[in-house]
Amino acid sequence: METDLGEEVTYDVAQYIKFEMPVLTSFVEKLREEEEREVSKLTIKYSALKSMISQQLEHVSESAEGV
């Protein structure tokens, strides 16, 4: 498929051309919600990892001071 500008459109994009704007808007909203959930999960995961690393560094630092 080609757009009015003569640029080639990939199949991934072309499959959405047939939908009306309200449906496309709904798709975008669902993708945003999914993205927010994924960002939230990653933020929680990496906060927990950061906390574990900080605790380990404190433990190593305390052990080094005692030597």
Protein backbone atom coordinates (compact mmCIF):
# COMPACT_ATOMS: atom_id res chain seq x y z
CA MET A 1 0.00 0.00 0.00
CA GLU A 2 1.08 3.55 -0.55
CA THR A 3 0.04 6.79 1.08
CA ASP A 4 -0.86 10.02 -0.71
CA LEU A 5 2.80 11.03 -0.47
CA GLY A 6 3.90 7.95 -2.39
CA GLU A 7 5.68 6.48 0.63
CA GLU A 8 5.42 2.77 1.19
CA VAL A 9 3.38 1.69 4.21
CA THR A 10 4.35 -1.47 6.05
CA TYR A 11 1.85 -4.25 6.63
CA ASP A 12 1.88 -3.49 10.37
CA VAL A 13 0.61 0.00 9.64
CA ALA A 14 -1.65 -0.93 6.71
CA GLN A 15 -3.73 -3.31 8.81
CA TYR A 16 -4.96 -0.35 10.90
CA ILE A 17 -5.94 1.93 7.99
CA LYS A 18 -9.36 0.31 7.70
CA PHE A 19 -10.38 1.28 11.26
CA GLU A 20 -12.29 4.44 12.16
CA MET A 21 -10.65 7.09 14.37
CA PRO A 22 -12.61 6.22 17.56
CA VAL A 23 -11.40 2.61 17.28
CA LEU A 24 -7.83 3.72 16.65
CA THR A 25 -8.05 6.09 19.61
CA SER A 26 -9.21 3.19 21.74
CA PHE A 27 -6.25 1.10 20.55
CA VAL A 28 -3.85 3.88 21.48
CA GLU A 29 -5.44 4.25 24.93
CA LYS A 30 -5.16 0.50 25.58
CA LEU A 31 -1.50 0.59 24.53
CA ARG A 32 -0.85 3.54 26.85
CA GLU A 33 -2.47 1.68 29.74
CA GLU A 34 -0.38 -1.40 29.01
CA GLU A 35 2.75 0.73 28.81
CA GLU A 36 1.96 2.34 32.17
CA ARG A 37 1.50 -1.09 33.78
CA GLU A 38 4.80 -2.31 32.36
CA VAL A 39 6.64 0.83 33.50
CA SER A 40 5.14 0.43 36.96
CA LYS A 41 6.22 -3.22 37.16
CA LEU A 42 9.74 -2.37 36.05
CA THR A 43 9.97 0.53 38.48
CA ILE A 44 8.97 -1.74 41.37
CA LYS A 45 11.36 -4.47 40.24
CA TYR A 46 14.35 -2.14 39.91
CA SER A 47 13.57 -0.32 43.16
CA ALA A 48 13.68 -3.67 44.93
CA LEU A 49 16.96 -4.55 43.22
CA LYS A 50 18.42 -1.15 44.11
CA SER A 51 17.46 -1.70 47.73
CA MET A 52 19.07 -5.16 47.76
CA ILE A 53 22.27 -3.80 46.20
CA SER A 54 22.39 -0.94 48.70
CA GLN A 55 21.99 -3.37 51.59
CA GLN A 56 24.76 -5.58 50.21
CA LEU A 57 27.06 -2.57 49.78
CA GLU A 58 26.38 -1.49 53.36
CA HIS A 59 27.14 -5.02 54.56
CA VAL A 60 30.40 -5.13 52.59
CA SER A 61 31.33 -1.65 53.82
CA GLU A 62 30.67 -2.62 57.45
CA SER A 63 32.70 -5.80 57.00
CA ALA A 64 35.61 -3.85 55.50
CA GLU A 65 35.59 -1.36 58.38
CA GLY A 66 35.78 -4.18 60.90
CA VAL A 67 38.94 -5.61 59.33
